[in-house]
Amino acid sequence: MLFFFISIFLLLGNQILTSILVFIPIRIVESVGTLSWVIIGYLGLAFLGWCLGNNTNSGR
């Protein structure tokens, strides 16, 4: 009975640790990876707007 209890406890602990330490970080990396293209696009548009915008501080 003790062996059965220890085995179940270890299997459940392994499942919980695997989901916390493996699958959740993978999901976070995937979401940041897809979000990074959007951020890079916005930064590119902001840079183009800065380059092509009027210079209002020309001193005139």
Protein backbone atom coordinates (compact mmCIF):
# COMPACT_ATOMS: atom_id res chain seq x y z
CA MET A 1 0.00 0.00 0.00
CA LEU A 2 2.82 2.41 0.82
CA PHE A 3 4.52 1.59 -2.48
CA PHE A 4 1.26 2.34 -4.33
CA PHE A 5 0.85 5.67 -2.52
CA ILE A 6 4.46 6.70 -3.21
CA SER A 7 4.14 5.71 -6.88
CA ILE A 8 0.95 7.74 -7.35
CA PHE A 9 2.50 10.71 -5.51
CA LEU A 10 5.62 10.61 -7.71
CA LEU A 11 3.60 10.28 -10.93
CA LEU A 12 1.36 13.22 -10.04
CA GLY A 13 4.35 15.31 -8.99
CA ASN A 14 6.10 14.48 -12.24
CA GLN A 15 3.03 15.50 -14.25
CA ILE A 16 2.68 18.80 -12.40
CA LEU A 17 6.38 19.65 -12.67
CA THR A 18 6.42 18.75 -16.35
CA SER A 19 3.46 21.00 -17.10
CA ILE A 20 4.93 23.88 -15.10
CA LEU A 21 8.56 23.65 -16.19
CA VAL A 22 8.16 22.50 -19.81
CA PHE A 23 4.83 23.25 -21.43
CA ILE A 24 4.04 26.66 -19.92
CA PRO A 25 7.42 28.19 -20.92
CA ILE A 26 7.01 26.75 -24.42
CA ARG A 27 3.63 28.48 -24.74
CA ILE A 28 5.12 31.74 -23.47
CA VAL A 29 7.99 31.57 -25.97
CA GLU A 30 5.58 30.82 -28.82
CA SER A 31 3.32 33.74 -27.94
CA VAL A 32 6.28 36.12 -27.60
CA GLY A 33 7.63 34.80 -30.91
CA THR A 34 4.41 35.61 -32.74
CA LEU A 35 4.07 38.93 -30.93
CA SER A 36 7.62 39.98 -31.77
CA TRP A 37 6.79 40.31 -35.49
CA VAL A 38 3.98 42.75 -34.62
CA ILE A 39 6.31 44.76 -32.38
CA ILE A 40 9.02 44.82 -35.06
CA GLY A 41 6.42 46.00 -37.58
CA TYR A 42 5.27 48.83 -35.31
CA LEU A 43 8.85 49.87 -34.63
CA GLY A 44 9.56 49.86 -38.37
CA LEU A 45 6.52 52.05 -39.05
CA ALA A 46 7.51 54.42 -36.24
CA PHE A 47 11.02 54.66 -37.66
CA LEU A 48 9.69 55.42 -41.14
CA GLY A 49 7.36 58.04 -39.69
CA TRP A 50 10.27 59.61 -37.83
CA CYS A 51 12.46 59.61 -40.95
CA LEU A 52 9.78 60.95 -43.30
CA GLY A 53 8.08 63.35 -40.87
CA ASN A 54 8.50 67.13 -40.90
CA ASN A 55 11.21 68.57 -38.73
CA THR A 56 9.35 71.10 -36.62
CA ASN A 57 12.42 72.11 -34.59
CA SER A 58 14.33 73.71 -37.46
CA GLY A 59 14.74 77.06 -35.67
CA ARG A 60 12.62 79.13 -38.09
